[in-house]
Amino acid sequence: MPNQARPGHGAADWLALAAAPTFAFMALLTAVPGGGPLDMLCSATPGASPFNAMVLMYLLMTAFHLGPWLKLIFSRRAQRRNCAYWA
């Protein structure tokens, strides 16, 4: 069976695009001190740096899931370049 390009984005493509912004948002929420009752349980020292291990993990997860975004951006740039070349 020949390898054909898919005409549109499927559910898996949209989920792949949703991963990086979701992890970035989670890193932001984790870094912002909430002052809630669970902060005492979750932080080792009060007033410590907001960049704890969870923030670092979410930022790394964001970086690892940037692939679909980069592929989308570079494919659109290539399409624009090809359209400008052939116009």
Foldseek 3Di string as FASTA:
>chain_A
DDDDDDPDDDPVLVVLVVFLVVLQVVLVVQLDDDPDPCVVVPDPDPPDHSCDPSSVVSNVSNVVSCVSVVVVVVVVVVVVVVVVVVD
